Amino acid sequence: MSEAQSVTDAEAQRQASELTAFQQNILAILAEEPMYGLAIKRELESYYGSEVNHGRLYPNLDDLVADGLVEKSELDKRTNQYDLTEAGHDAVLGQLEWVLDRFVTDETRADEIRALLDE
């Protein structure tokens, strides 16, 4: 790995570590595909099993845009679309790597992760 790549990886891991769990969940949702705000809200509500109010969602989306992790574009005059940037992708990957480094402590746990990926 080049020095430039390790600096990029370190930056992505730092960015991921400073995000709230709610923000990390937004990035994970956007890793699947670009979405408009209401679709993100529905995905979060499905995950949390409770209502996510606009006053929580949109300031967090704005912060992720300001941090360069999400790109915001206009679908129409009333609807914005949000898309994961390369930095956002790296932040998700950095968080996954950090969690997996701690979770996968033996072959049994590695097999559990492989089984999840095969689903």
PDB file of N, CA and C in Angstrom:
ATOM      1  N   MET A   1       0.847  -1.176   0.000  1.00  0.00           N
ATOM      2  CA  MET A   1       0.000   0.000   0.000  1.00  0.00           C
ATOM      3  C   MET A   1       0.889   1.234   0.000  1.00  0.00           C
ATOM      4  N   SER A   2       0.538   2.205  -0.825  1.00  0.00           N
ATOM      5  CA  SER A   2       1.346   3.417  -0.920  1.00  0.00           C
ATOM      6  C   SER A   2       1.083   4.307   0.291  1.00  0.00           C
ATOM      7  N   GLU A   3       1.989   5.255   0.495  1.00  0.00           N
ATOM      8  CA  GLU A   3       1.824   6.192   1.605  1.00  0.00           C
ATOM      9  C   GLU A   3       0.562   7.023   1.420  1.00  0.00           C
ATOM     10  N   ALA A   4       0.282   7.429   0.175  1.00  0.00           N
ATOM     11  CA  ALA A   4      -0.922   8.211  -0.100  1.00  0.00           C
ATOM     12  C   ALA A   4      -2.179   7.415   0.241  1.00  0.00           C
ATOM     13  N   GLN A   5      -2.193   6.122  -0.087  1.00  0.00           N
ATOM     14  CA  GLN A   5      -3.348   5.273   0.206  1.00  0.00           C
ATOM     15  C   GLN A   5      -3.546   5.132   1.708  1.00  0.00           C
ATOM     16  N   SER A   6      -2.459   4.964   2.471  1.00  0.00           N
ATOM     17  CA  SER A   6      -2.592   4.817   3.917  1.00  0.00           C
ATOM     18  C   SER A   6      -3.076   6.111   4.561  1.00  0.00           C
ATOM     19  N   VAL A   7      -2.696   7.254   4.016  1.00  0.00           N
ATOM     20  CA  VAL A   7      -3.205   8.531   4.527  1.00  0.00           C
ATOM     21  C   VAL A   7      -4.700   8.626   4.257  1.00  0.00           C
ATOM     22  N   THR A   8      -5.138   8.246   3.056  1.00  0.00           N
ATOM     23  CA  THR A   8      -6.555   8.259   2.710  1.00  0.00           C
ATOM     24  C   THR A   8      -7.335   7.317   3.619  1.00  0.00           C
ATOM     25  N   ASP A   9      -6.831   6.112   3.839  1.00  0.00           N
ATOM     26  CA  ASP A   9      -7.486   5.151   4.721  1.00  0.00           C
ATOM     27  C   ASP A   9      -7.590   5.690   6.144  1.00  0.00           C
ATOM     28  N   ALA A  10      -6.530   6.297   6.626  1.00  0.00           N
ATOM     29  CA  ALA A  10      -6.528   6.851   7.980  1.00  0.00           C
ATOM     30  C   ALA A  10      -7.542   7.981   8.098  1.00  0.00           C
ATOM     31  N   GLU A  11      -7.635   8.824   7.071  1.00  0.00           N
ATOM     32  CA  GLU A  11      -8.597   9.924   7.077  1.00  0.00           C
ATOM     33  C   GLU A  11     -10.026   9.390   7.069  1.00  0.00           C
ATOM     34  N   ALA A  12     -10.294   8.376   6.265  1.00  0.00           N
ATOM     35  CA  ALA A  12     -11.636   7.785   6.205  1.00  0.00           C
ATOM     36  C   ALA A  12     -12.011   7.182   7.549  1.00  0.00           C
ATOM     37  N   GLN A  13     -11.072   6.497   8.183  1.00  0.00           N
ATOM     38  CA  GLN A  13     -11.346   5.888   9.487  1.00  0.00           C
ATOM     39  C   GLN A  13     -11.589   6.961  10.547  1.00  0.00           C
ATOM     40  N   ARG A  14     -10.822   8.066  10.484  1.00  0.00           N
ATOM     41  CA  ARG A  14     -11.030   9.160  11.426  1.00  0.00           C
ATOM     42  C   ARG A  14     -12.409   9.766  11.219  1.00  0.00           C
ATOM     43  N   GLN A  15     -12.769  10.019   9.953  1.00  0.00           N
ATOM     44  CA  GLN A  15     -14.084  10.589   9.674  1.00  0.00           C
ATOM     45  C   GLN A  15     -15.187   9.668  10.173  1.00  0.00           C
ATOM     46  N   ALA A  16     -15.075   8.391   9.918  1.00  0.00           N
ATOM     47  CA  ALA A  16     -16.090   7.432  10.347  1.00  0.00           C
ATOM     48  C   ALA A  16     -16.205   7.407  11.872  1.00  0.00           C
ATOM     49  N   SER A  17     -15.096   7.513  12.563  1.00  0.00           N
ATOM     50  CA  SER A  17     -15.121   7.432  14.024  1.00  0.00           C
ATOM     51  C   SER A  17     -15.770   8.659  14.663  1.00  0.00           C
ATOM     52  N   GLU A  18     -15.844   9.763  13.924  1.00  0.00           N
ATOM     53  CA  GLU A  18     -16.445  10.981  14.465  1.00  0.00           C
ATOM     54  C   GLU A  18     -17.938  11.104  14.168  1.00  0.00           C
ATOM     55  N   LEU A  19     -18.466  10.175  13.390  1.00  0.00           N
ATOM     56  CA  LEU A  19     -19.884  10.212  13.044  1.00  0.00           C
ATOM     57  C   LEU A  19     -20.720   9.585  14.152  1.00  0.00           C
ATOM     58  N   THR A  20     -21.940  10.071  14.273  1.00  0.00           N
ATOM     59  CA  THR A  20     -22.874   9.427  15.201  1.00  0.00           C
ATOM     60  C   THR A  20     -23.369   8.131  14.555  1.00  0.00           C
ATOM     61  N   ALA A  21     -23.953   7.262  15.342  1.00  0.00           N
ATOM     62  CA  ALA A  21     -24.524   6.025  14.804  1.00  0.00           C
ATOM     63  C   ALA A  21     -25.627   6.354  13.797  1.00  0.00           C
ATOM     64  N   PHE A  22     -26.403   7.386  14.066  1.00  0.00           N
ATOM     65  CA  PHE A  22     -27.473   7.814  13.159  1.00  0.00           C
ATOM     66  C   PHE A  22     -26.881   8.223  11.810  1.00  0.00           C
ATOM     67  N   GLN A  23     -25.799   8.979  11.837  1.00  0.00           N
ATOM     68  CA  GLN A  23     -25.144   9.392  10.599  1.00  0.00           C
ATOM     69  C   GLN A  23     -24.534   8.195   9.868  1.00  0.00           C
ATOM     70  N   GLN A  24     -23.943   7.265  10.601  1.00  0.00           N
ATOM     71  CA  GLN A  24     -23.398   6.059   9.985  1.00  0.00           C
ATOM     72  C   GLN A  24     -24.503   5.255   9.316  1.00  0.00           C
ATOM     73  N   ASN A  25     -25.685   5.217   9.935  1.00  0.00           N
ATOM     74  CA  ASN A  25     -26.812   4.506   9.347  1.00  0.00           C
ATOM     75  C   ASN A  25     -27.282   5.177   8.059  1.00  0.00           C
ATOM     76  N   ILE A  26     -27.277   6.493   8.027  1.00  0.00           N
ATOM     77  CA  ILE A  26     -27.631   7.219   6.802  1.00  0.00           C
ATOM     78  C   ILE A  26     -26.659   6.855   5.690  1.00  0.00           C
ATOM     79  N   LEU A  27     -25.359   6.853   5.998  1.00  0.00           N
ATOM     80  CA  LEU A  27     -24.360   6.500   4.983  1.00  0.00           C
ATOM     81  C   LEU A  27     -24.560   5.071   4.492  1.00  0.00           C
ATOM     82  N   ALA A  28     -24.863   4.156   5.400  1.00  0.00           N
ATOM     83  CA  ALA A  28     -25.089   2.759   5.012  1.00  0.00           C
ATOM     84  C   ALA A  28     -26.279   2.652   4.067  1.00  0.00           C
ATOM     85  N   ILE A  29     -27.330   3.399   4.342  1.00  0.00           N
ATOM     86  CA  ILE A  29     -28.511   3.405   3.474  1.00  0.00           C
ATOM     87  C   ILE A  29     -28.140   3.933   2.091  1.00  0.00           C
ATOM     88  N   LEU A  30     -27.377   5.009   2.053  1.00  0.00           N
ATOM     89  CA  LEU A  30     -27.006   5.610   0.771  1.00  0.00           C
ATOM     90  C   LEU A  30     -25.965   4.791   0.017  1.00  0.00           C
ATOM     91  N   ALA A  31     -25.317   3.851   0.699  1.00  0.00           N
ATOM     92  CA  ALA A  31     -24.364   2.976   0.019  1.00  0.00           C
ATOM     93  C   ALA A  31     -25.076   2.082  -0.988  1.00  0.00           C
ATOM     94  N   GLU A  32     -26.354   1.832  -0.762  1.00  0.00           N
ATOM     95  CA  GLU A  32     -27.129   0.984  -1.666  1.00  0.00           C
ATOM     96  C   GLU A  32     -27.450   1.714  -2.968  1.00  0.00           C
ATOM     97  N   GLU A  33     -27.948   2.955  -2.842  1.00  0.00           N
ATOM     98  CA  GLU A  33     -28.300   3.763  -4.005  1.00  0.00           C
ATOM     99  C   GLU A  33     -28.634   5.179  -3.556  1.00  0.00           C
ATOM    100  N   PRO A  34     -28.554   6.143  -4.477  1.00  0.00           N
ATOM    101  CA  PRO A  34     -28.984   7.507  -4.133  1.00  0.00           C
ATOM    102  C   PRO A  34     -30.473   7.509  -3.784  1.00  0.00           C
ATOM    103  N   MET A  35     -30.850   8.373  -2.845  1.00  0.00           N
ATOM    104  CA  MET A  35     -32.247   8.435  -2.411  1.00  0.00           C
ATOM    105  C   MET A  35     -32.629   9.863  -2.086  1.00  0.00           C
ATOM    106  N   TYR A  36     -33.919  10.126  -2.134  1.00  0.00           N
ATOM    107  CA  TYR A  36     -34.435  11.405  -1.666  1.00  0.00           C
ATOM    108  C   TYR A  36     -34.708  11.303  -0.166  1.00  0.00           C
ATOM    109  N   GLY A  37     -34.875  12.441   0.482  1.00  0.00           N
ATOM    110  CA  GLY A  37     -34.971  12.485   1.932  1.00  0.00           C
ATOM    111  C   GLY A  37     -36.034  11.600   2.537  1.00  0.00           C
ATOM    112  N   LEU A  38     -37.240  11.602   1.957  1.00  0.00           N
ATOM    113  CA  LEU A  38     -38.328  10.802   2.522  1.00  0.00           C
ATOM    114  C   LEU A  38     -38.030   9.305   2.444  1.00  0.00           C
ATOM    115  N   ALA A  39     -37.356   8.870   1.385  1.00  0.00           N
ATOM    116  CA  ALA A  39     -36.984   7.452   1.272  1.00  0.00           C
ATOM    117  C   ALA A  39     -35.952   7.080   2.344  1.00  0.00           C
ATOM    118  N   ILE A  40     -35.014   7.978   2.610  1.00  0.00           N
ATOM    119  CA  ILE A  40     -34.029   7.750   3.680  1.00  0.00           C
ATOM    120  C   ILE A  40     -34.762   7.658   5.015  1.00  0.00           C
ATOM    121  N   LYS A  41     -35.698   8.574   5.231  1.00  0.00           N
ATOM    122  CA  LYS A  41     -36.485   8.594   6.468  1.00  0.00           C
ATOM    123  C   LYS A  41     -37.211   7.260   6.660  1.00  0.00           C
ATOM    124  N   ARG A  42     -37.821   6.751   5.606  1.00  0.00           N
ATOM    125  CA  ARG A  42     -38.553   5.473   5.693  1.00  0.00           C
ATOM    126  C   ARG A  42     -37.619   4.315   6.036  1.00  0.00           C
ATOM    127  N   GLU A  43     -36.454   4.294   5.411  1.00  0.00           N
ATOM    128  CA  GLU A  43     -35.476   3.236   5.703  1.00  0.00           C
ATOM    129  C   GLU A  43     -35.041   3.297   7.172  1.00  0.00           C
ATOM    130  N   LEU A  44     -34.777   4.494   7.668  1.00  0.00           N
ATOM    131  CA  LEU A  44     -34.381   4.647   9.074  1.00  0.00           C
ATOM    132  C   LEU A  44     -35.503   4.227  10.009  1.00  0.00           C
ATOM    133  N   GLU A  45     -36.734   4.601   9.675  1.00  0.00           N
ATOM    134  CA  GLU A  45     -37.877   4.224  10.512  1.00  0.00           C
ATOM    135  C   GLU A  45     -38.065   2.718  10.532  1.00  0.00           C
ATOM    136  N   SER A  46     -37.822   2.082   9.402  1.00  0.00           N
ATOM    137  CA  SER A  46     -37.907   0.627   9.355  1.00  0.00           C
ATOM    138  C   SER A  46     -36.847  -0.001  10.254  1.00  0.00           C
ATOM    139  N   TYR A  47     -35.653   0.548  10.230  1.00  0.00           N
ATOM    140  CA  TYR A  47     -34.560   0.022  11.056  1.00  0.00           C
ATOM    141  C   TYR A  47     -34.818   0.265  12.539  1.00  0.00           C
ATOM    142  N   TYR A  48     -35.203   1.499  12.895  1.00  0.00           N
ATOM    143  CA  TYR A  48     -35.399   1.848  14.303  1.00  0.00           C
ATOM    144  C   TYR A  48     -36.737   1.379  14.862  1.00  0.00           C
ATOM    145  N   GLY A  49     -37.699   1.129  13.980  1.00  0.00           N
ATOM    146  CA  GLY A  49     -39.020   0.718  14.450  1.00  0.00           C
ATOM    147  C   GLY A  49     -39.803   1.841  15.087  1.00  0.00           C
ATOM    148  N   SER A  50     -39.418   3.073  14.785  1.00  0.00           N
ATOM    149  CA  SER A  50     -40.134   4.234  15.308  1.00  0.00           C
ATOM    150  C   SER A  50     -39.938   5.410  14.353  1.00  0.00           C
ATOM    151  N   GLU A  51     -40.732   6.434  14.573  1.00  0.00           N
ATOM    152  CA  GLU A  51     -40.692   7.599  13.689  1.00  0.00           C
ATOM    153  C   GLU A  51     -39.373   8.363  13.821  1.00  0.00           C
ATOM    154  N   VAL A  52     -38.862   8.804  12.708  1.00  0.00           N
ATOM    155  CA  VAL A  52     -37.692   9.683  12.661  1.00  0.00           C
ATOM    156  C   VAL A  52     -38.211  11.033  12.188  1.00  0.00           C
ATOM    157  N   ASN A  53     -38.084  12.054  13.037  1.00  0.00           N
ATOM    158  CA  ASN A  53     -38.644  13.343  12.634  1.00  0.00           C
ATOM    159  C   ASN A  53     -37.688  14.114  11.718  1.00  0.00           C
ATOM    160  N   HIS A  54     -38.293  15.010  10.944  1.00  0.00           N
ATOM    161  CA  HIS A  54     -37.529  15.803   9.972  1.00  0.00           C
ATOM    162  C   HIS A  54     -36.451  16.629  10.652  1.00  0.00           C
ATOM    163  N   GLY A  55     -36.733  17.094  11.869  1.00  0.00           N
ATOM    164  CA  GLY A  55     -35.784  17.924  12.607  1.00  0.00           C
ATOM    165  C   GLY A  55     -34.527  17.179  13.017  1.00  0.00           C
ATOM    166  N   ARG A  56     -34.561  15.874  12.949  1.00  0.00           N
ATOM    167  CA  ARG A  56     -33.372  15.068  13.225  1.00  0.00           C
ATOM    168  C   ARG A  56     -32.682  14.674  11.919  1.00  0.00           C
ATOM    169  N   LEU A  57     -33.475  14.272  10.935  1.00  0.00           N
ATOM    170  CA  LEU A  57     -32.908  13.761   9.690  1.00  0.00           C
ATOM    171  C   LEU A  57     -32.171  14.830   8.895  1.00  0.00           C
ATOM    172  N   TYR A  58     -32.837  15.929   8.595  1.00  0.00           N
ATOM    173  CA  TYR A  58     -32.265  16.891   7.648  1.00  0.00           C
ATOM    174  C   TYR A  58     -31.038  17.631   8.176  1.00  0.00           C
ATOM    175  N   PRO A  59     -30.963  17.980   9.448  1.00  0.00           N
ATOM    176  CA  PRO A  59     -29.701  18.564   9.932  1.00  0.00           C
ATOM    177  C   PRO A  59     -28.528  17.579   9.830  1.00  0.00           C
ATOM    178  N   ASN A  60     -28.801  16.299  10.063  1.00  0.00           N
ATOM    179  CA  ASN A  60     -27.744  15.292   9.924  1.00  0.00           C
ATOM    180  C   ASN A  60     -27.335  15.127   8.469  1.00  0.00           C
ATOM    181  N   LEU A  61     -28.296  15.139   7.553  1.00  0.00           N
ATOM    182  CA  LEU A  61     -27.957  15.092   6.133  1.00  0.00           C
ATOM    183  C   LEU A  61     -27.121  16.314   5.744  1.00  0.00           C
ATOM    184  N   ASP A  62     -27.521  17.485   6.236  1.00  0.00           N
ATOM    185  CA  ASP A  62     -26.758  18.710   5.942  1.00  0.00           C
ATOM    186  C   ASP A  62     -25.330  18.612   6.463  1.00  0.00           C
ATOM    187  N   ASP A  63     -25.150  18.046   7.654  1.00  0.00           N
ATOM    188  CA  ASP A  63     -23.799  17.869   8.206  1.00  0.00           C
ATOM    189  C   ASP A  63     -22.973  16.924   7.340  1.00  0.00           C
ATOM    190  N   LEU A  64     -23.595  15.837   6.872  1.00  0.00           N
ATOM    191  CA  LEU A  64     -22.885  14.881   6.023  1.00  0.00           C
ATOM    192  C   LEU A  64     -22.512  15.510   4.686  1.00  0.00           C
ATOM    193  N   VAL A  65     -23.371  16.376   4.169  1.00  0.00           N
ATOM    194  CA  VAL A  65     -23.059  17.110   2.939  1.00  0.00           C
ATOM    195  C   VAL A  65     -21.894  18.063   3.202  1.00  0.00           C
ATOM    196  N   ALA A  66     -21.955  18.795   4.304  1.00  0.00           N
ATOM    197  CA  ALA A  66     -20.888  19.741   4.647  1.00  0.00           C
ATOM    198  C   ALA A  66     -19.544  19.043   4.848  1.00  0.00           C
ATOM    199  N   ASP A  67     -19.587  17.829   5.348  1.00  0.00           N
ATOM    200  CA  ASP A  67     -18.364  17.050   5.567  1.00  0.00           C
ATOM    201  C   ASP A  67     -17.851  16.382   4.291  1.00  0.00           C
ATOM    202  N   GLY A  68     -18.610  16.513   3.202  1.00  0.00           N
ATOM    203  CA  GLY A  68     -18.190  15.930   1.933  1.00  0.00           C
ATOM    204  C   GLY A  68     -18.437  14.434   1.822  1.00  0.00           C
ATOM    205  N   LEU A  69     -19.255  13.888   2.700  1.00  0.00           N
ATOM    206  CA  LEU A  69     -19.545  12.452   2.689  1.00  0.00           C
ATOM    207  C   LEU A  69     -20.770  12.115   1.842  1.00  0.00           C
ATOM    208  N   VAL A  70     -21.623  13.109   1.652  1.00  0.00           N
ATOM    209  CA  VAL A  70     -22.855  12.958   0.877  1.00  0.00           C
ATOM    210  C   VAL A  70     -22.955  14.149  -0.064  1.00  0.00           C
ATOM    211  N   GLU A  71     -23.464  13.878  -1.252  1.00  0.00           N
ATOM    212  CA  GLU A  71     -23.709  14.944  -2.230  1.00  0.00           C
ATOM    213  C   GLU A  71     -25.208  15.147  -2.347  1.00  0.00           C
ATOM    214  N   LYS A  72     -25.617  16.394  -2.363  1.00  0.00           N
ATOM    215  CA  LYS A  72     -27.033  16.749  -2.450  1.00  0.00           C
ATOM    216  C   LYS A  72     -27.279  17.366  -3.827  1.00  0.00           C
ATOM    217  N   SER A  73     -28.316  16.865  -4.498  1.00  0.00           N
ATOM    218  CA  SER A  73     -28.698  17.441  -5.787  1.00  0.00           C
ATOM    219  C   SER A  73     -30.208  17.617  -5.809  1.00  0.00           C
ATOM    220  N   GLU A  74     -30.682  18.424  -6.739  1.00  0.00           N
ATOM    221  CA  GLU A  74     -32.103  18.724  -6.812  1.00  0.00           C
ATOM    222  C   GLU A  74     -32.772  17.816  -7.838  1.00  0.00           C
ATOM    223  N   LEU A  75     -33.776  17.054  -7.393  1.00  0.00           N
ATOM    224  CA  LEU A  75     -34.569  16.235  -8.311  1.00  0.00           C
ATOM    225  C   LEU A  75     -35.636  17.084  -8.994  1.00  0.00           C
ATOM    226  N   ASP A  76     -36.301  17.904  -8.197  1.00  0.00           N
ATOM    227  CA  ASP A  76     -37.270  18.881  -8.698  1.00  0.00           C
ATOM    228  C   ASP A  76     -37.303  20.030  -7.698  1.00  0.00           C
ATOM    229  N   LYS A  77     -38.184  20.962  -7.879  1.00  0.00           N
ATOM    230  CA  LYS A  77     -38.203  22.169  -7.027  1.00  0.00           C
ATOM    231  C   LYS A  77     -38.424  21.865  -5.548  1.00  0.00           C
ATOM    232  N   ARG A  78     -39.021  20.709  -5.251  1.00  0.00           N
ATOM    233  CA  ARG A  78     -39.346  20.372  -3.857  1.00  0.00           C
ATOM    234  C   ARG A  78     -38.555  19.208  -3.302  1.00  0.00           C
ATOM    235  N   THR A  79     -37.829  18.492  -4.146  1.00  0.00           N
ATOM    236  CA  THR A  79     -37.213  17.246  -3.706  1.00  0.00           C
ATOM    237  C   THR A  79     -35.718  17.236  -3.975  1.00  0.00           C
ATOM    238  N   ASN A  80     -34.958  16.927  -2.941  1.00  0.00           N
ATOM    239  CA  ASN A  80     -33.513  16.762  -3.073  1.00  0.00           C
ATOM    240  C   ASN A  80     -33.162  15.284  -3.067  1.00  0.00           C
ATOM    241  N   GLN A  81     -32.130  14.967  -3.800  1.00  0.00           N
ATOM    242  CA  GLN A  81     -31.599  13.602  -3.802  1.00  0.00           C
ATOM    243  C   GLN A  81     -30.236  13.624  -3.124  1.00  0.00           C
ATOM    244  N   TYR A  82     -29.951  12.558  -2.395  1.00  0.00           N
ATOM    245  CA  TYR A  82     -28.688  12.433  -1.670  1.00  0.00           C
ATOM    246  C   TYR A  82     -27.944  11.209  -2.181  1.00  0.00           C
ATOM    247  N   ASP A  83     -26.641  11.381  -2.367  1.00  0.00           N
ATOM    248  CA  ASP A  83     -25.808  10.316  -2.918  1.00  0.00           C
ATOM    249  C   ASP A  83     -24.506  10.249  -2.127  1.00  0.00           C
ATOM    250  N   LEU A  84     -24.045   9.058  -1.891  1.00  0.00           N
ATOM    251  CA  LEU A  84     -22.783   8.844  -1.188  1.00  0.00           C
ATOM    252  C   LEU A  84     -21.623   9.304  -2.069  1.00  0.00           C
ATOM    253  N   THR A  85     -20.718  10.075  -1.527  1.00  0.00           N
ATOM    254  CA  THR A  85     -19.512  10.470  -2.250  1.00  0.00           C
ATOM    255  C   THR A  85     -18.445   9.397  -2.055  1.00  0.00           C
ATOM    256  N   GLU A  86     -17.330   9.551  -2.747  1.00  0.00           N
ATOM    257  CA  GLU A  86     -16.220   8.615  -2.562  1.00  0.00           C
ATOM    258  C   GLU A  86     -15.722   8.663  -1.114  1.00  0.00           C
ATOM    259  N   ALA A  87     -15.686   9.862  -0.535  1.00  0.00           N
ATOM    260  CA  ALA A  87     -15.279   9.985   0.874  1.00  0.00           C
ATOM    261  C   ALA A  87     -16.287   9.302   1.789  1.00  0.00           C
ATOM    262  N   GLY A  88     -17.569   9.388   1.456  1.00  0.00           N
ATOM    263  CA  GLY A  88     -18.597   8.695   2.229  1.00  0.00           C
ATOM    264  C   GLY A  88     -18.449   7.195   2.123  1.00  0.00           C
ATOM    265  N   HIS A  89     -18.169   6.730   0.928  1.00  0.00           N
ATOM    266  CA  HIS A  89     -17.906   5.304   0.704  1.00  0.00           C
ATOM    267  C   HIS A  89     -16.728   4.863   1.564  1.00  0.00           C
ATOM    268  N   ASP A  90     -15.658   5.638   1.548  1.00  0.00           N
ATOM    269  CA  ASP A  90     -14.469   5.303   2.344  1.00  0.00           C
ATOM    270  C   ASP A  90     -14.776   5.305   3.841  1.00  0.00           C
ATOM    271  N   ALA A  91     -15.649   6.224   4.279  1.00  0.00           N
ATOM    272  CA  ALA A  91     -16.026   6.274   5.698  1.00  0.00           C
ATOM    273  C   ALA A  91     -16.810   5.032   6.093  1.00  0.00           C
ATOM    274  N   VAL A  92     -17.732   4.583   5.241  1.00  0.00           N
ATOM    275  CA  VAL A  92     -18.494   3.355   5.520  1.00  0.00           C
ATOM    276  C   VAL A  92     -17.539   2.169   5.570  1.00  0.00           C
ATOM    277  N   LEU A  93     -16.670   2.093   4.585  1.00  0.00           N
ATOM    278  CA  LEU A  93     -15.707   0.989   4.544  1.00  0.00           C
ATOM    279  C   LEU A  93     -14.782   1.012   5.760  1.00  0.00           C
ATOM    280  N   GLY A  94     -14.342   2.201   6.154  1.00  0.00           N
ATOM    281  CA  GLY A  94     -13.486   2.321   7.337  1.00  0.00           C
ATOM    282  C   GLY A  94     -14.182   1.856   8.600  1.00  0.00           C
ATOM    283  N   GLN A  95     -15.457   2.202   8.748  1.00  0.00           N
ATOM    284  CA  GLN A  95     -16.229   1.773   9.918  1.00  0.00           C
ATOM    285  C   GLN A  95     -16.415   0.266   9.920  1.00  0.00           C
ATOM    286  N   LEU A  96     -16.750  -0.296   8.754  1.00  0.00           N
ATOM    287  CA  LEU A  96     -16.910  -1.750   8.653  1.00  0.00           C
ATOM    288  C   LEU A  96     -15.610  -2.466   8.998  1.00  0.00           C
ATOM    289  N   GLU A  97     -14.520  -1.951   8.474  1.00  0.00           N
ATOM    290  CA  GLU A  97     -13.222  -2.565   8.751  1.00  0.00           C
ATOM    291  C   GLU A  97     -12.906  -2.536  10.243  1.00  0.00           C
ATOM    292  N   TRP A  98     -13.179  -1.415  10.888  1.00  0.00           N
ATOM    293  CA  TRP A  98     -12.908  -1.281  12.325  1.00  0.00           C
ATOM    294  C   TRP A  98     -13.740  -2.283  13.122  1.00  0.00           C
ATOM    295  N   VAL A  99     -15.025  -2.380  12.802  1.00  0.00           N
ATOM    296  CA  VAL A  99     -15.914  -3.313  13.512  1.00  0.00           C
ATOM    297  C   VAL A  99     -15.486  -4.754  13.265  1.00  0.00           C
ATOM    298  N   LEU A 100     -15.224  -5.090  12.011  1.00  0.00           N
ATOM    299  CA  LEU A 100     -14.847  -6.469  11.690  1.00  0.00           C
ATOM    300  C   LEU A 100     -13.513  -6.860  12.313  1.00  0.00           C
ATOM    301  N   ASP A 101     -12.572  -5.922  12.379  1.00  0.00           N
ATOM    302  CA  ASP A 101     -11.290  -6.217  13.031  1.00  0.00           C
ATOM    303  C   ASP A 101     -11.490  -6.621  14.493  1.00  0.00           C
ATOM    304  N   ARG A 102     -12.502  -6.083  15.123  1.00  0.00           N
ATOM    305  CA  ARG A 102     -12.754  -6.400  16.519  1.00  0.00           C
ATOM    306  C   ARG A 102     -13.658  -7.611  16.676  1.00  0.00           C
ATOM    307  N   PHE A 103     -14.580  -7.796  15.753  1.00  0.00           N
ATOM    308  CA  PHE A 103     -15.545  -8.888  15.860  1.00  0.00           C
ATOM    309  C   PHE A 103     -14.955 -10.235  15.446  1.00  0.00           C
ATOM    310  N   VAL A 104     -14.210 -10.241  14.359  1.00  0.00           N
ATOM    311  CA  VAL A 104     -13.690 -11.506  13.825  1.00  0.00           C
ATOM    312  C   VAL A 104     -12.425 -11.877  14.592  1.00  0.00           C
ATOM    313  N   THR A 105     -12.625 -12.632  15.660  1.00  0.00           N
ATOM    314  CA  THR A 105     -11.506 -13.027  16.520  1.00  0.00           C
ATOM    315  C   THR A 105     -11.087 -14.479  16.309  1.00  0.00           C
ATOM    316  N   ASP A 106     -11.904 -15.226  15.561  1.00  0.00           N
ATOM    317  CA  ASP A 106     -11.575 -16.627  15.281  1.00  0.00           C
ATOM    318  C   ASP A 106     -12.311 -17.070  14.025  1.00  0.00           C
ATOM    319  N   GLU A 107     -12.070 -18.284  13.602  1.00  0.00           N
ATOM    320  CA  GLU A 107     -12.647 -18.790  12.353  1.00  0.00           C
ATOM    321  C   GLU A 107     -14.165 -18.926  12.440  1.00  0.00           C
ATOM    322  N   THR A 108     -14.694 -19.226  13.614  1.00  0.00           N
ATOM    323  CA  THR A 108     -16.148 -19.340  13.768  1.00  0.00           C
ATOM    324  C   THR A 108     -16.819 -18.004  13.461  1.00  0.00           C
ATOM    325  N   ARG A 109     -16.270 -16.943  13.987  1.00  0.00           N
ATOM    326  CA  ARG A 109     -16.839 -15.621  13.718  1.00  0.00           C
ATOM    327  C   ARG A 109     -16.639 -15.222  12.259  1.00  0.00           C
ATOM    328  N   ALA A 110     -15.513 -15.596  11.691  1.00  0.00           N
ATOM    329  CA  ALA A 110     -15.285 -15.324  10.269  1.00  0.00           C
ATOM    330  C   ALA A 110     -16.340 -16.045   9.433  1.00  0.00           C
ATOM    331  N   ASP A 111     -16.668 -17.276   9.816  1.00  0.00           N
ATOM    332  CA  ASP A 111     -17.699 -18.038   9.109  1.00  0.00           C
ATOM    333  C   ASP A 111     -19.070 -17.363   9.239  1.00  0.00           C
ATOM    334  N   GLU A 112     -19.346 -16.784  10.402  1.00  0.00           N
ATOM    335  CA  GLU A 112     -20.614 -16.070  10.594  1.00  0.00           C
ATOM    336  C   GLU A 112     -20.716 -14.887   9.627  1.00  0.00           C
ATOM    337  N   ILE A 113     -19.628 -14.178   9.455  1.00  0.00           N
ATOM    338  CA  ILE A 113     -19.610 -13.040   8.527  1.00  0.00           C
ATOM    339  C   ILE A 113     -19.753 -13.538   7.092  1.00  0.00           C
ATOM    340  N   ARG A 114     -19.042 -14.607   6.740  1.00  0.00           N
ATOM    341  CA  ARG A 114     -19.175 -15.178   5.389  1.00  0.00           C
ATOM    342  C   ARG A 114     -20.608 -15.591   5.111  1.00  0.00           C
ATOM    343  N   ALA A 115     -21.283 -16.180   6.115  1.00  0.00           N
ATOM    344  CA  ALA A 115     -22.672 -16.594   5.938  1.00  0.00           C
ATOM    345  C   ALA A 115     -23.581 -15.370   5.683  1.00  0.00           C
ATOM    346  N   LEU A 116     -23.313 -14.284   6.376  1.00  0.00           N
ATOM    347  CA  LEU A 116     -24.085 -13.053   6.131  1.00  0.00           C
ATOM    348  C   LEU A 116     -23.885 -12.559   4.711  1.00  0.00           C
ATOM    349  N   LEU A 117     -22.672 -12.612   4.241  1.00  0.00           N
ATOM    350  CA  LEU A 117     -22.360 -12.115   2.901  1.00  0.00           C
ATOM    351  C   LEU A 117     -22.946 -13.003   1.805  1.00  0.00           C
ATOM    352  N   ASP A 118     -23.120 -14.283   2.116  1.00  0.00           N
ATOM    353  CA  ASP A 118     -23.675 -15.206   1.135  1.00  0.00           C
ATOM    354  C   ASP A 118     -25.198 -15.133   1.015  1.00  0.00           C
ATOM    355  N   GLU A 119     -25.837 -14.464   1.963  1.00  0.00           N
ATOM    356  CA  GLU A 119     -27.318 -14.365   1.942  1.00  0.00           C
ATOM    357  C   GLU A 119     -27.811 -13.551   0.783  1.00  0.00           C
TER     358      GLU A 119
END
